Amino acid sequence: GRLSILTYGLFFGRNTLSGSLPSQIGFLTGVSDGFIDFTNNQFTNLIPSQIGMLTSTTWYLNLNTNSFSGSLPSEIGKLTGFITALNVYSNQLTGLLPSQIGRLSILTYGLFFGRNTLSGSLPSQIGFLTGVSDGFIDFTNNQFTNLIPSQIGMLTSTTWYLNLNTNSFSGSLPSEIGKLTGFITALNVYSNQLTGLLPSQIGRLSILT
């Protein structure tokens, strides 16, 4: 945590570092144009709430492919300085996705939350992630249930990929999917428990590639 004036970042990925990520990670507030990368290690236990102190970090926080467990800290909602991505893909995270996720409205490359065991409803605040203009919103392979929130129709500037596959979403697809005319690659709801009629508004997604 004493490396507070680092500006381009820390690259500790692809090692076998283990144990808890120290809370002092929150002191790396000088990383203003770079990366904090701990991908592909063996970190365990909770993601420290002190990551919410990294409000000046403007590129990429990458914690994917570890063994972090427990709930995501609500303090992730303070990371409003990020402009590319928050990646916690392939961990052992559980519990509800914090509604504070909606505060990350200026992310551009996306959220990668796939391959965890997050559960409950996908919060309606997902609709506030309107800054994802060239990337992914990925919640694949979790345990989300209940309806897909109609607020996904607010993601009209997202231009790559919304991935909700392999969960337990139920009920009907919201007709608001017809508003997702900015998507240029895919909308994926494969392997869920969706029922009812396919909305006719699906025909508005004419620029999917």
N, C-alpha and C. Protein backbone atom coordinates (compact mmCIF):
# COMPACT_ATOMS: atom_id res chain seq x y z
N GLY A 1 0.79 -1.21 0.00
CA GLY A 1 0.00 0.00 0.00
C GLY A 1 0.84 1.28 0.00
N ARG A 2 2.15 1.16 0.23
CA ARG A 2 3.01 2.34 0.25
C ARG A 2 3.34 2.84 -1.15
N LEU A 3 3.00 2.06 -2.18
CA LEU A 3 3.29 2.45 -3.57
C LEU A 3 2.17 3.33 -4.11
N SER A 4 1.83 4.33 -3.34
CA SER A 4 0.64 5.12 -3.64
C SER A 4 0.81 6.06 -4.82
N ILE A 5 2.07 6.26 -5.28
CA ILE A 5 2.25 7.17 -6.40
C ILE A 5 2.49 6.44 -7.71
N LEU A 6 2.34 5.10 -7.73
CA LEU A 6 2.36 4.38 -8.99
C LEU A 6 1.28 4.95 -9.90
N THR A 7 1.61 5.18 -11.15
CA THR A 7 0.59 5.71 -12.05
C THR A 7 0.16 4.72 -13.12
N TYR A 8 1.07 3.87 -13.60
CA TYR A 8 0.66 2.94 -14.66
C TYR A 8 0.19 1.61 -14.11
N GLY A 9 0.56 1.25 -12.90
CA GLY A 9 -0.06 0.09 -12.31
C GLY A 9 0.82 -1.00 -11.77
N LEU A 10 0.14 -2.08 -11.30
CA LEU A 10 0.75 -3.29 -10.79
C LEU A 10 0.31 -4.45 -11.66
N PHE A 11 1.27 -5.29 -12.04
CA PHE A 11 0.98 -6.44 -12.88
C PHE A 11 1.48 -7.69 -12.15
N PHE A 12 0.61 -8.33 -11.40
CA PHE A 12 0.97 -9.49 -10.59
C PHE A 12 0.26 -10.75 -11.08
N GLY A 13 -0.32 -10.71 -12.26
CA GLY A 13 -1.06 -11.85 -12.78
C GLY A 13 -0.18 -13.04 -13.12
N ARG A 14 -0.87 -14.21 -13.24
CA ARG A 14 -0.23 -15.47 -13.63
C ARG A 14 0.93 -15.84 -12.72
N ASN A 15 0.63 -15.85 -11.44
CA ASN A 15 1.53 -16.39 -10.44
C ASN A 15 0.74 -17.35 -9.57
N THR A 16 1.25 -17.69 -8.41
CA THR A 16 0.48 -18.52 -7.47
C THR A 16 0.40 -17.82 -6.12
N LEU A 17 0.21 -16.52 -6.14
CA LEU A 17 0.01 -15.77 -4.91
C LEU A 17 -1.28 -16.25 -4.25
N SER A 18 -1.29 -16.29 -2.92
CA SER A 18 -2.42 -16.89 -2.22
C SER A 18 -2.80 -16.08 -0.99
N GLY A 19 -3.80 -16.58 -0.28
CA GLY A 19 -4.28 -15.89 0.91
C GLY A 19 -5.17 -14.72 0.54
N SER A 20 -5.37 -13.84 1.50
CA SER A 20 -6.24 -12.68 1.29
C SER A 20 -5.52 -11.56 0.55
N LEU A 21 -6.24 -10.85 -0.28
CA LEU A 21 -5.71 -9.63 -0.86
C LEU A 21 -5.68 -8.58 0.24
N PRO A 22 -4.53 -7.99 0.53
CA PRO A 22 -4.46 -7.08 1.68
C PRO A 22 -5.33 -5.84 1.50
N SER A 23 -5.89 -5.40 2.60
CA SER A 23 -6.76 -4.22 2.57
C SER A 23 -6.02 -2.98 2.11
N GLN A 24 -4.71 -2.98 2.25
CA GLN A 24 -3.90 -1.82 1.84
C GLN A 24 -3.93 -1.59 0.34
N ILE A 25 -4.56 -2.50 -0.42
CA ILE A 25 -4.74 -2.28 -1.85
C ILE A 25 -5.44 -0.96 -2.10
N GLY A 26 -6.23 -0.54 -1.13
CA GLY A 26 -6.97 0.70 -1.28
C GLY A 26 -6.12 1.95 -1.30
N PHE A 27 -4.84 1.83 -0.89
CA PHE A 27 -3.96 2.99 -0.88
C PHE A 27 -3.32 3.26 -2.24
N LEU A 28 -3.57 2.42 -3.23
CA LEU A 28 -2.95 2.60 -4.55
C LEU A 28 -3.72 3.61 -5.39
N THR A 29 -3.94 4.75 -4.79
CA THR A 29 -4.79 5.76 -5.41
C THR A 29 -4.09 6.54 -6.52
N GLY A 30 -2.78 6.31 -6.67
CA GLY A 30 -2.06 7.03 -7.72
C GLY A 30 -2.16 6.38 -9.08
N VAL A 31 -2.73 5.18 -9.14
CA VAL A 31 -2.86 4.49 -10.43
C VAL A 31 -3.98 5.17 -11.21
N SER A 32 -3.59 6.18 -11.97
CA SER A 32 -4.58 7.02 -12.61
C SER A 32 -4.68 6.80 -14.10
N ASP A 33 -3.83 5.93 -14.65
CA ASP A 33 -3.85 5.73 -16.09
C ASP A 33 -3.30 4.35 -16.42
N GLY A 34 -3.81 3.30 -15.74
CA GLY A 34 -3.21 2.00 -15.93
C GLY A 34 -4.03 0.85 -15.40
N PHE A 35 -3.34 -0.14 -14.83
CA PHE A 35 -3.93 -1.41 -14.45
C PHE A 35 -3.57 -1.78 -13.02
N ILE A 36 -4.49 -2.47 -12.36
CA ILE A 36 -4.18 -3.24 -11.16
C ILE A 36 -4.61 -4.66 -11.47
N ASP A 37 -3.62 -5.52 -11.67
CA ASP A 37 -3.85 -6.84 -12.25
C ASP A 37 -3.36 -7.94 -11.32
N PHE A 38 -4.31 -8.73 -10.78
CA PHE A 38 -3.99 -9.89 -9.95
C PHE A 38 -4.61 -11.16 -10.54
N THR A 39 -4.84 -11.17 -11.83
CA THR A 39 -5.50 -12.30 -12.47
C THR A 39 -4.67 -13.58 -12.39
N ASN A 40 -5.38 -14.72 -12.39
CA ASN A 40 -4.74 -16.03 -12.42
C ASN A 40 -3.75 -16.23 -11.28
N ASN A 41 -4.25 -16.07 -10.06
CA ASN A 41 -3.51 -16.42 -8.87
C ASN A 41 -4.37 -17.33 -8.01
N GLN A 42 -4.09 -17.40 -6.74
CA GLN A 42 -4.85 -18.28 -5.84
C GLN A 42 -5.36 -17.51 -4.62
N PHE A 43 -5.71 -16.23 -4.83
CA PHE A 43 -6.25 -15.44 -3.73
C PHE A 43 -7.59 -16.02 -3.27
N THR A 44 -7.82 -15.93 -1.96
CA THR A 44 -9.04 -16.47 -1.36
C THR A 44 -9.68 -15.40 -0.48
N ASN A 45 -10.78 -15.79 0.15
CA ASN A 45 -11.51 -14.95 1.10
C ASN A 45 -12.16 -13.76 0.40
N LEU A 46 -12.57 -12.78 1.15
CA LEU A 46 -13.34 -11.66 0.62
C LEU A 46 -12.48 -10.72 -0.24
N ILE A 47 -13.11 -10.13 -1.24
CA ILE A 47 -12.50 -8.98 -1.90
C ILE A 47 -12.58 -7.82 -0.92
N PRO A 48 -11.46 -7.21 -0.56
CA PRO A 48 -11.51 -6.19 0.50
C PRO A 48 -12.36 -4.98 0.10
N SER A 49 -13.13 -4.50 1.05
CA SER A 49 -13.99 -3.33 0.79
C SER A 49 -13.17 -2.10 0.44
N GLN A 50 -11.90 -2.10 0.79
CA GLN A 50 -11.03 -0.94 0.53
C GLN A 50 -10.79 -0.71 -0.95
N ILE A 51 -11.21 -1.63 -1.83
CA ILE A 51 -11.10 -1.33 -3.25
C ILE A 51 -11.94 -0.11 -3.61
N GLY A 52 -12.90 0.20 -2.77
CA GLY A 52 -13.72 1.39 -3.00
C GLY A 52 -12.95 2.68 -2.87
N MET A 53 -11.71 2.61 -2.36
CA MET A 53 -10.87 3.81 -2.24
C MET A 53 -10.16 4.14 -3.55
N LEU A 54 -10.23 3.25 -4.53
CA LEU A 54 -9.49 3.43 -5.79
C LEU A 54 -10.27 4.29 -6.78
N THR A 55 -10.71 5.43 -6.31
CA THR A 55 -11.60 6.25 -7.12
C THR A 55 -10.91 7.00 -8.23
N SER A 56 -9.58 7.03 -8.23
CA SER A 56 -8.87 7.73 -9.31
C SER A 56 -8.35 6.78 -10.37
N THR A 57 -8.51 5.47 -10.15
CA THR A 57 -8.04 4.49 -11.12
C THR A 57 -8.93 4.54 -12.36
N THR A 58 -8.30 4.68 -13.53
CA THR A 58 -9.10 4.94 -14.72
C THR A 58 -8.96 3.90 -15.82
N TRP A 59 -8.33 2.77 -15.55
CA TRP A 59 -8.26 1.76 -16.59
C TRP A 59 -8.92 0.47 -16.17
N TYR A 60 -8.24 -0.40 -15.49
CA TYR A 60 -8.70 -1.78 -15.42
C TYR A 60 -8.30 -2.39 -14.08
N LEU A 61 -9.29 -2.84 -13.30
CA LEU A 61 -9.04 -3.66 -12.12
C LEU A 61 -9.38 -5.09 -12.46
N ASN A 62 -8.39 -5.97 -12.45
CA ASN A 62 -8.55 -7.34 -12.90
C ASN A 62 -8.25 -8.32 -11.79
N LEU A 63 -9.29 -8.99 -11.30
CA LEU A 63 -9.16 -9.98 -10.23
C LEU A 63 -9.61 -11.35 -10.71
N ASN A 64 -9.70 -11.54 -12.01
CA ASN A 64 -10.30 -12.78 -12.51
C ASN A 64 -9.42 -14.00 -12.29
N THR A 65 -10.11 -15.17 -12.23
CA THR A 65 -9.46 -16.47 -12.10
C THR A 65 -8.63 -16.55 -10.83
N ASN A 66 -9.33 -16.38 -9.72
CA ASN A 66 -8.79 -16.63 -8.39
C ASN A 66 -9.83 -17.44 -7.62
N SER A 67 -9.80 -17.39 -6.31
CA SER A 67 -10.80 -18.09 -5.50
C SER A 67 -11.41 -17.16 -4.47
N PHE A 68 -11.59 -15.89 -4.84
CA PHE A 68 -12.28 -14.96 -3.94
C PHE A 68 -13.68 -15.50 -3.65
N SER A 69 -14.12 -15.33 -2.41
CA SER A 69 -15.42 -15.86 -1.98
C SER A 69 -16.22 -14.79 -1.26
N GLY A 70 -17.42 -15.17 -0.85
CA GLY A 70 -18.28 -14.21 -0.18
C GLY A 70 -18.92 -13.25 -1.15
N SER A 71 -19.52 -12.23 -0.60
CA SER A 71 -20.25 -11.24 -1.41
C SER A 71 -19.31 -10.18 -1.96
N LEU A 72 -19.71 -9.62 -3.08
CA LEU A 72 -19.02 -8.44 -3.59
C LEU A 72 -19.26 -7.28 -2.65
N PRO A 73 -18.23 -6.53 -2.30
CA PRO A 73 -18.46 -5.39 -1.40
C PRO A 73 -19.27 -4.29 -2.10
N SER A 74 -20.20 -3.71 -1.37
CA SER A 74 -21.01 -2.63 -1.94
C SER A 74 -20.15 -1.43 -2.31
N GLU A 75 -18.95 -1.37 -1.75
CA GLU A 75 -18.03 -0.25 -2.05
C GLU A 75 -17.60 -0.21 -3.51
N ILE A 76 -17.89 -1.27 -4.28
CA ILE A 76 -17.56 -1.19 -5.70
C ILE A 76 -18.30 -0.04 -6.36
N GLY A 77 -19.39 0.40 -5.75
CA GLY A 77 -20.14 1.52 -6.29
C GLY A 77 -19.40 2.84 -6.24
N LYS A 78 -18.28 2.88 -5.52
CA LYS A 78 -17.48 4.10 -5.45
C LYS A 78 -16.46 4.20 -6.57
N LEU A 79 -16.34 3.15 -7.38
CA LEU A 79 -15.30 3.11 -8.42
C LEU A 79 -15.74 3.85 -9.67
N THR A 80 -16.22 5.03 -9.50
CA THR A 80 -16.79 5.79 -10.61
C THR A 80 -15.74 6.36 -11.54
N GLY A 81 -14.45 6.24 -11.17
CA GLY A 81 -13.39 6.74 -12.02
C GLY A 81 -12.97 5.76 -13.10
N PHE A 82 -13.41 4.49 -12.99
CA PHE A 82 -13.03 3.50 -13.98
C PHE A 82 -13.60 3.86 -15.35
N ILE A 83 -12.78 3.71 -16.40
CA ILE A 83 -13.30 3.95 -17.73
C ILE A 83 -13.20 2.73 -18.64
N THR A 84 -12.66 1.61 -18.15
CA THR A 84 -12.64 0.43 -19.00
C THR A 84 -13.37 -0.76 -18.39
N ALA A 85 -12.83 -1.40 -17.37
CA ALA A 85 -13.44 -2.65 -16.94
C ALA A 85 -13.16 -2.99 -15.49
N LEU A 86 -14.11 -3.73 -14.93
CA LEU A 86 -13.97 -4.37 -13.63
C LEU A 86 -14.19 -5.85 -13.86
N ASN A 87 -13.17 -6.66 -13.60
CA ASN A 87 -13.20 -8.07 -13.96
C ASN A 87 -13.02 -8.94 -12.73
N VAL A 88 -14.08 -9.66 -12.35
CA VAL A 88 -13.99 -10.65 -11.27
C VAL A 88 -14.44 -12.02 -11.78
N TYR A 89 -14.29 -12.24 -13.06
CA TYR A 89 -14.69 -13.48 -13.72
C TYR A 89 -13.98 -14.69 -13.09
N SER A 90 -14.71 -15.78 -12.95
CA SER A 90 -14.16 -17.06 -12.50
C SER A 90 -13.53 -16.98 -11.11
N ASN A 91 -14.40 -16.72 -10.14
CA ASN A 91 -14.04 -16.81 -8.73
C ASN A 91 -15.10 -17.65 -8.02
N GLN A 92 -15.26 -17.48 -6.74
CA GLN A 92 -16.27 -18.22 -5.98
C GLN A 92 -17.18 -17.26 -5.23
N LEU A 93 -17.48 -16.14 -5.87
CA LEU A 93 -18.31 -15.12 -5.24
C LEU A 93 -19.75 -15.60 -5.11
N THR A 94 -20.38 -15.21 -4.00
CA THR A 94 -21.74 -15.65 -3.70
C THR A 94 -22.60 -14.45 -3.31
N GLY A 95 -23.87 -14.72 -3.09
CA GLY A 95 -24.77 -13.69 -2.60
C GLY A 95 -25.31 -12.79 -3.69
N LEU A 96 -25.90 -11.70 -3.26
CA LEU A 96 -26.56 -10.77 -4.17
C LEU A 96 -25.55 -9.84 -4.83
N LEU A 97 -25.85 -9.44 -6.05
CA LEU A 97 -25.07 -8.41 -6.71
C LEU A 97 -25.49 -7.06 -6.13
N PRO A 98 -24.56 -6.26 -5.58
CA PRO A 98 -24.96 -5.00 -4.95
C PRO A 98 -25.62 -4.05 -5.94
N SER A 99 -26.68 -3.40 -5.49
CA SER A 99 -27.36 -2.43 -6.36
C SER A 99 -26.45 -1.28 -6.73
N GLN A 100 -25.40 -1.06 -5.92
CA GLN A 100 -24.45 0.03 -6.20
C GLN A 100 -23.71 -0.17 -7.52
N ILE A 101 -23.86 -1.36 -8.12
CA ILE A 101 -23.23 -1.60 -9.41
C ILE A 101 -23.67 -0.57 -10.45
N GLY A 102 -24.86 -0.05 -10.27
CA GLY A 102 -25.39 0.91 -11.22
C GLY A 102 -24.68 2.24 -11.23
N ARG A 103 -23.86 2.50 -10.22
CA ARG A 103 -23.12 3.76 -10.17
C ARG A 103 -21.92 3.78 -11.12
N LEU A 104 -21.56 2.63 -11.67
CA LEU A 104 -20.40 2.54 -12.56
C LEU A 104 -20.80 2.89 -13.99
N SER A 105 -21.43 4.02 -14.13
CA SER A 105 -22.08 4.37 -15.39
C SER A 105 -21.12 4.78 -16.48
N ILE A 106 -19.82 5.02 -16.12
CA ILE A 106 -18.89 5.45 -17.17
C ILE A 106 -17.93 4.35 -17.59
N LEU A 107 -18.14 3.12 -17.11
CA LEU A 107 -17.35 2.00 -17.63
C LEU A 107 -17.55 1.92 -19.13
N THR A 108 -16.49 1.71 -19.88
CA THR A 108 -16.63 1.60 -21.33
C THR A 108 -16.42 0.18 -21.85
N TYR A 109 -15.48 -0.56 -21.27
CA TYR A 109 -15.23 -1.90 -21.78
C TYR A 109 -16.04 -2.97 -21.06
N GLY A 110 -16.49 -2.69 -19.86
CA GLY A 110 -17.46 -3.60 -19.31
C GLY A 110 -17.22 -4.19 -17.95
N LEU A 111 -18.17 -5.05 -17.58
CA LEU A 111 -18.17 -5.82 -16.34
C LEU A 111 -18.08 -7.29 -16.69
N PHE A 112 -17.18 -7.99 -16.02
CA PHE A 112 -17.00 -9.42 -16.25
C PHE A 112 -17.21 -10.13 -14.91
N PHE A 113 -18.43 -10.62 -14.70
CA PHE A 113 -18.80 -11.26 -13.44
C PHE A 113 -19.16 -12.73 -13.64
N GLY A 114 -18.88 -13.29 -14.82
CA GLY A 114 -19.24 -14.66 -15.11
C GLY A 114 -18.47 -15.67 -14.28
N ARG A 115 -19.01 -16.90 -14.24
CA ARG A 115 -18.40 -18.04 -13.55
C ARG A 115 -18.14 -17.75 -12.07
N ASN A 116 -19.20 -17.32 -11.40
CA ASN A 116 -19.24 -17.23 -9.95
C ASN A 116 -20.52 -17.94 -9.50
N THR A 117 -20.96 -17.71 -8.28
CA THR A 117 -22.25 -18.25 -7.84
C THR A 117 -23.11 -17.13 -7.26
N LEU A 118 -23.08 -15.98 -7.93
CA LEU A 118 -23.95 -14.88 -7.54
C LEU A 118 -25.40 -15.30 -7.73
N SER A 119 -26.27 -14.83 -6.83
CA SER A 119 -27.65 -15.34 -6.82
C SER A 119 -28.65 -14.20 -6.60
N GLY A 120 -29.93 -14.59 -6.54
CA GLY A 120 -30.99 -13.61 -6.37
C GLY A 120 -31.29 -12.89 -7.67
N SER A 121 -31.97 -11.78 -7.55
CA SER A 121 -32.37 -11.01 -8.72
C SER A 121 -31.22 -10.15 -9.24
N LEU A 122 -31.17 -9.99 -10.54
CA LEU A 122 -30.26 -9.01 -11.12
C LEU A 122 -30.84 -7.64 -10.82
N PRO A 123 -30.09 -6.76 -10.16
CA PRO A 123 -30.68 -5.48 -9.74
C PRO A 123 -31.09 -4.62 -10.92
N SER A 124 -32.18 -3.90 -10.75
CA SER A 124 -32.68 -3.03 -11.82
C SER A 124 -31.67 -1.95 -12.19
N GLN A 125 -30.77 -1.65 -11.26
CA GLN A 125 -29.75 -0.61 -11.52
C GLN A 125 -28.80 -0.99 -12.63
N ILE A 126 -28.89 -2.22 -13.12
CA ILE A 126 -28.09 -2.63 -14.27
C ILE A 126 -28.33 -1.69 -15.45
N GLY A 127 -29.50 -1.10 -15.48
CA GLY A 127 -29.84 -0.21 -16.58
C GLY A 127 -29.05 1.08 -16.61
N PHE A 128 -28.37 1.40 -15.51
CA PHE A 128 -27.58 2.64 -15.47
C PHE A 128 -26.20 2.48 -16.08
N LEU A 129 -25.83 1.28 -16.52
CA LEU A 129 -24.50 1.05 -17.07
C LEU A 129 -24.44 1.47 -18.54
N THR A 130 -24.85 2.68 -18.77
CA THR A 130 -24.99 3.17 -20.14
C THR A 130 -23.67 3.57 -20.77
N GLY A 131 -22.59 3.58 -19.99
CA GLY A 131 -21.30 3.95 -20.54
C GLY A 131 -20.60 2.82 -21.26
N VAL A 132 -21.13 1.58 -21.11
CA VAL A 132 -20.49 0.43 -21.76
C VAL A 132 -20.78 0.52 -23.25
N SER A 133 -19.90 1.23 -23.96
CA SER A 133 -20.17 1.55 -25.36
C SER A 133 -19.32 0.74 -26.32
N ASP A 134 -18.43 -0.10 -25.82
CA ASP A 134 -17.56 -0.85 -26.71
C ASP A 134 -17.08 -2.11 -26.02
N GLY A 135 -18.00 -2.88 -25.42
CA GLY A 135 -17.53 -4.01 -24.64
C GLY A 135 -18.61 -4.98 -24.23
N PHE A 136 -18.53 -5.48 -23.01
CA PHE A 136 -19.32 -6.60 -22.53
C PHE A 136 -19.97 -6.28 -21.19
N ILE A 137 -21.16 -6.83 -20.98
CA ILE A 137 -21.74 -6.97 -19.65
C ILE A 137 -22.01 -8.45 -19.50
N ASP A 138 -21.21 -9.10 -18.66
CA ASP A 138 -21.16 -10.56 -18.63
C ASP A 138 -21.51 -11.09 -17.24
N PHE A 139 -22.65 -11.79 -17.16
CA PHE A 139 -23.08 -12.43 -15.92
C PHE A 139 -23.30 -13.93 -16.14
N THR A 140 -22.63 -14.50 -17.13
CA THR A 140 -22.83 -15.90 -17.46
C THR A 140 -22.41 -16.84 -16.34
N ASN A 141 -23.06 -18.00 -16.27
CA ASN A 141 -22.70 -19.05 -15.31
C ASN A 141 -22.71 -18.56 -13.87
N ASN A 142 -23.86 -18.05 -13.47
CA ASN A 142 -24.11 -17.73 -12.08
C ASN A 142 -25.41 -18.41 -11.66
N GLN A 143 -26.04 -17.93 -10.61
CA GLN A 143 -27.29 -18.53 -10.13
C GLN A 143 -28.38 -17.47 -9.99
N PHE A 144 -28.37 -16.49 -10.88
CA PHE A 144 -29.40 -15.46 -10.83
C PHE A 144 -30.78 -16.07 -11.10
N THR A 145 -31.78 -15.53 -10.41
CA THR A 145 -33.15 -16.03 -10.53
C THR A 145 -34.11 -14.87 -10.81
N ASN A 146 -35.38 -15.21 -10.90
CA ASN A 146 -36.45 -14.24 -11.09
C ASN A 146 -36.38 -13.60 -12.47
N LEU A 147 -37.09 -12.51 -12.65
CA LEU A 147 -37.21 -11.89 -13.96
C LEU A 147 -35.93 -11.20 -14.39
N ILE A 148 -35.68 -11.19 -15.70
CA ILE A 148 -34.66 -10.29 -16.25
C ILE A 148 -35.25 -8.88 -16.16
N PRO A 149 -34.58 -7.95 -15.50
CA PRO A 149 -35.20 -6.63 -15.27
C PRO A 149 -35.45 -5.88 -16.58
N SER A 150 -36.60 -5.23 -16.64
CA SER A 150 -36.96 -4.47 -17.83
C SER A 150 -35.98 -3.33 -18.09
N GLN A 151 -35.24 -2.93 -17.06
CA GLN A 151 -34.28 -1.82 -17.20
C GLN A 151 -33.12 -2.15 -18.14
N ILE A 152 -32.99 -3.40 -18.58
CA ILE A 152 -31.95 -3.66 -19.58
C ILE A 152 -32.23 -2.87 -20.85
N GLY A 153 -33.47 -2.46 -21.03
CA GLY A 153 -33.82 -1.65 -22.19
C GLY A 153 -33.19 -0.28 -22.18
N MET A 154 -32.58 0.12 -21.05
CA MET A 154 -31.89 1.41 -20.97
C MET A 154 -30.48 1.35 -21.54
N LEU A 155 -29.99 0.15 -21.85
CA LEU A 155 -28.59 -0.03 -22.29
C LEU A 155 -28.47 0.21 -23.80
N THR A 156 -28.98 1.30 -24.24
CA THR A 156 -29.07 1.55 -25.68
C THR A 156 -27.73 1.93 -26.31
N SER A 157 -26.72 2.24 -25.50
CA SER A 157 -25.42 2.58 -26.07
C SER A 157 -24.44 1.41 -26.06
N THR A 158 -24.84 0.28 -25.45
CA THR A 158 -23.96 -0.88 -25.41
C THR A 158 -23.89 -1.50 -26.79
N THR A 159 -22.68 -1.71 -27.28
CA THR A 159 -22.53 -2.11 -28.67
C THR A 159 -21.84 -3.45 -28.89
N TRP A 160 -21.62 -4.23 -27.84
CA TRP A 160 -21.02 -5.52 -28.06
C TRP A 160 -21.88 -6.66 -27.57
N TYR A 161 -21.88 -6.99 -26.32
CA TYR A 161 -22.38 -8.28 -25.90
C TYR A 161 -22.98 -8.20 -24.49
N LEU A 162 -24.26 -8.53 -24.37
CA LEU A 162 -24.90 -8.72 -23.07
C LEU A 162 -25.09 -10.21 -22.88
N ASN A 163 -24.42 -10.78 -21.88
CA ASN A 163 -24.39 -12.23 -21.70
C ASN A 163 -25.00 -12.61 -20.36
N LEU A 164 -26.17 -13.25 -20.41
CA LEU A 164 -26.88 -13.71 -19.22
C LEU A 164 -27.04 -15.22 -19.22
N ASN A 165 -26.27 -15.91 -20.02
CA ASN A 165 -26.52 -17.35 -20.20
C ASN A 165 -26.12 -18.18 -18.99
N THR A 166 -26.78 -19.34 -18.87
CA THR A 166 -26.52 -20.32 -17.82
C THR A 166 -26.73 -19.70 -16.43
N ASN A 167 -27.97 -19.28 -16.22
CA ASN A 167 -28.46 -18.85 -14.92
C ASN A 167 -29.81 -19.51 -14.70
N SER A 168 -30.64 -18.93 -13.84
CA SER A 168 -31.99 -19.47 -13.61
C SER A 168 -33.02 -18.36 -13.73
N PHE A 169 -32.80 -17.44 -14.65
CA PHE A 169 -33.81 -16.41 -14.90
C PHE A 169 -35.11 -17.08 -15.32
N SER A 170 -36.22 -16.51 -14.85
CA SER A 170 -37.53 -17.10 -15.14
C SER A 170 -38.49 -16.04 -15.63
N GLY A 171 -39.69 -16.49 -15.97
CA GLY A 171 -40.69 -15.56 -16.48
C GLY A 171 -40.43 -15.20 -17.93
N SER A 172 -41.12 -14.17 -18.39
CA SER A 172 -41.03 -13.76 -19.79
C SER A 172 -39.86 -12.82 -20.02
N LEU A 173 -39.38 -12.85 -21.26
CA LEU A 173 -38.41 -11.84 -21.66
C LEU A 173 -39.11 -10.48 -21.68
N PRO A 174 -38.48 -9.44 -21.13
CA PRO A 174 -39.12 -8.13 -21.15
C PRO A 174 -39.19 -7.57 -22.58
N SER A 175 -40.29 -6.96 -22.91
CA SER A 175 -40.44 -6.38 -24.24
C SER A 175 -39.43 -5.27 -24.49
N GLU A 176 -38.87 -4.73 -23.41
CA GLU A 176 -37.87 -3.66 -23.53
C GLU A 176 -36.60 -4.10 -24.25
N ILE A 177 -36.43 -5.40 -24.49
CA ILE A 177 -35.26 -5.81 -25.26
C ILE A 177 -35.29 -5.18 -26.65
N GLY A 178 -36.45 -4.78 -27.08
CA GLY A 178 -36.57 -4.14 -28.38
C GLY A 178 -35.90 -2.78 -28.46
N LYS A 179 -35.52 -2.24 -27.31
CA LYS A 179 -34.84 -0.94 -27.29
C LYS A 179 -33.33 -1.07 -27.46
N LEU A 180 -32.83 -2.31 -27.47
CA LEU A 180 -31.38 -2.52 -27.50
C LEU A 180 -30.84 -2.45 -28.93
N THR A 181 -31.18 -1.42 -29.60
CA THR A 181 -30.82 -1.29 -31.02
C THR A 181 -29.36 -0.93 -31.22
N GLY A 182 -28.63 -0.63 -30.13
CA GLY A 182 -27.22 -0.31 -30.26
C GLY A 182 -26.33 -1.53 -30.28
N PHE A 183 -26.88 -2.73 -29.92
CA PHE A 183 -26.06 -3.94 -29.90
C PHE A 183 -25.61 -4.30 -31.31
N ILE A 184 -24.33 -4.69 -31.45
CA ILE A 184 -23.87 -5.11 -32.76
C ILE A 184 -23.35 -6.54 -32.78
N THR A 185 -23.35 -7.25 -31.65
CA THR A 185 -22.93 -8.64 -31.70
C THR A 185 -23.97 -9.60 -31.14
N ALA A 186 -24.24 -9.59 -29.84
CA ALA A 186 -25.11 -10.65 -29.34
C ALA A 186 -25.82 -10.29 -28.05
N LEU A 187 -26.99 -10.87 -27.91
CA LEU A 187 -27.75 -10.90 -26.66
C LEU A 187 -27.95 -12.36 -26.33
N ASN A 188 -27.38 -12.83 -25.22
CA ASN A 188 -27.32 -14.25 -24.92
C ASN A 188 -28.06 -14.57 -23.63
N VAL A 189 -29.18 -15.29 -23.75
CA VAL A 189 -29.93 -15.75 -22.58
C VAL A 189 -30.07 -17.28 -22.62
N TYR A 190 -29.12 -17.92 -23.25
CA TYR A 190 -29.09 -19.39 -23.38
C TYR A 190 -29.10 -20.06 -22.01
N SER A 191 -29.84 -21.15 -21.89
CA SER A 191 -29.85 -22.01 -20.70
C SER A 191 -30.29 -21.25 -19.44
N ASN A 192 -31.55 -20.83 -19.47
CA ASN A 192 -32.21 -20.27 -18.31
C ASN A 192 -33.55 -20.98 -18.14
N GLN A 193 -34.51 -20.38 -17.46
CA GLN A 193 -35.83 -20.97 -17.26
C GLN A 193 -36.92 -20.01 -17.74
N LEU A 194 -36.64 -19.34 -18.84
CA LEU A 194 -37.57 -18.36 -19.37
C LEU A 194 -38.81 -19.05 -19.94
N THR A 195 -39.95 -18.38 -19.81
CA THR A 195 -41.23 -18.93 -20.26
C THR A 195 -42.00 -17.87 -21.03
N GLY A 196 -43.16 -18.26 -21.54
CA GLY A 196 -44.04 -17.30 -22.20
C GLY A 196 -43.67 -17.05 -23.64
N LEU A 197 -44.25 -16.00 -24.19
CA LEU A 197 -44.08 -15.65 -25.59
C LEU A 197 -42.79 -14.88 -25.81
N LEU A 198 -42.20 -15.07 -26.97
CA LEU A 198 -41.06 -14.25 -27.37
C LEU A 198 -41.60 -12.91 -27.84
N PRO A 199 -41.16 -11.81 -27.24
CA PRO A 199 -41.72 -10.50 -27.60
C PRO A 199 -41.51 -10.18 -29.08
N SER A 200 -42.52 -9.63 -29.70
CA SER A 200 -42.39 -9.24 -31.11
C SER A 200 -41.32 -8.17 -31.30
N GLN A 201 -41.01 -7.44 -30.23
CA GLN A 201 -40.00 -6.38 -30.29
C GLN A 201 -38.61 -6.92 -30.62
N ILE A 202 -38.44 -8.26 -30.59
CA ILE A 202 -37.15 -8.84 -30.94
C ILE A 202 -36.74 -8.43 -32.35
N GLY A 203 -37.72 -8.16 -33.19
CA GLY A 203 -37.44 -7.77 -34.57
C GLY A 203 -36.77 -6.44 -34.72
N ARG A 204 -36.72 -5.63 -33.66
CA ARG A 204 -36.09 -4.33 -33.73
C ARG A 204 -34.57 -4.42 -33.62
N LEU A 205 -34.06 -5.58 -33.26
CA LEU A 205 -32.61 -5.74 -33.08
C LEU A 205 -31.95 -6.07 -34.41
N SER A 206 -32.19 -5.24 -35.36
CA SER A 206 -31.84 -5.55 -36.76
C SER A 206 -30.35 -5.41 -37.03
N ILE A 207 -29.58 -4.80 -36.11
CA ILE A 207 -28.15 -4.61 -36.39
C ILE A 207 -27.28 -5.58 -35.62
N LEU A 208 -27.89 -6.59 -34.96
CA LEU A 208 -27.09 -7.65 -34.35
C LEU A 208 -26.22 -8.29 -35.42
N THR A 209 -24.94 -8.51 -35.12
CA THR A 209 -24.06 -9.13 -36.09
C THR A 209 -23.55 -10.47 -35.57
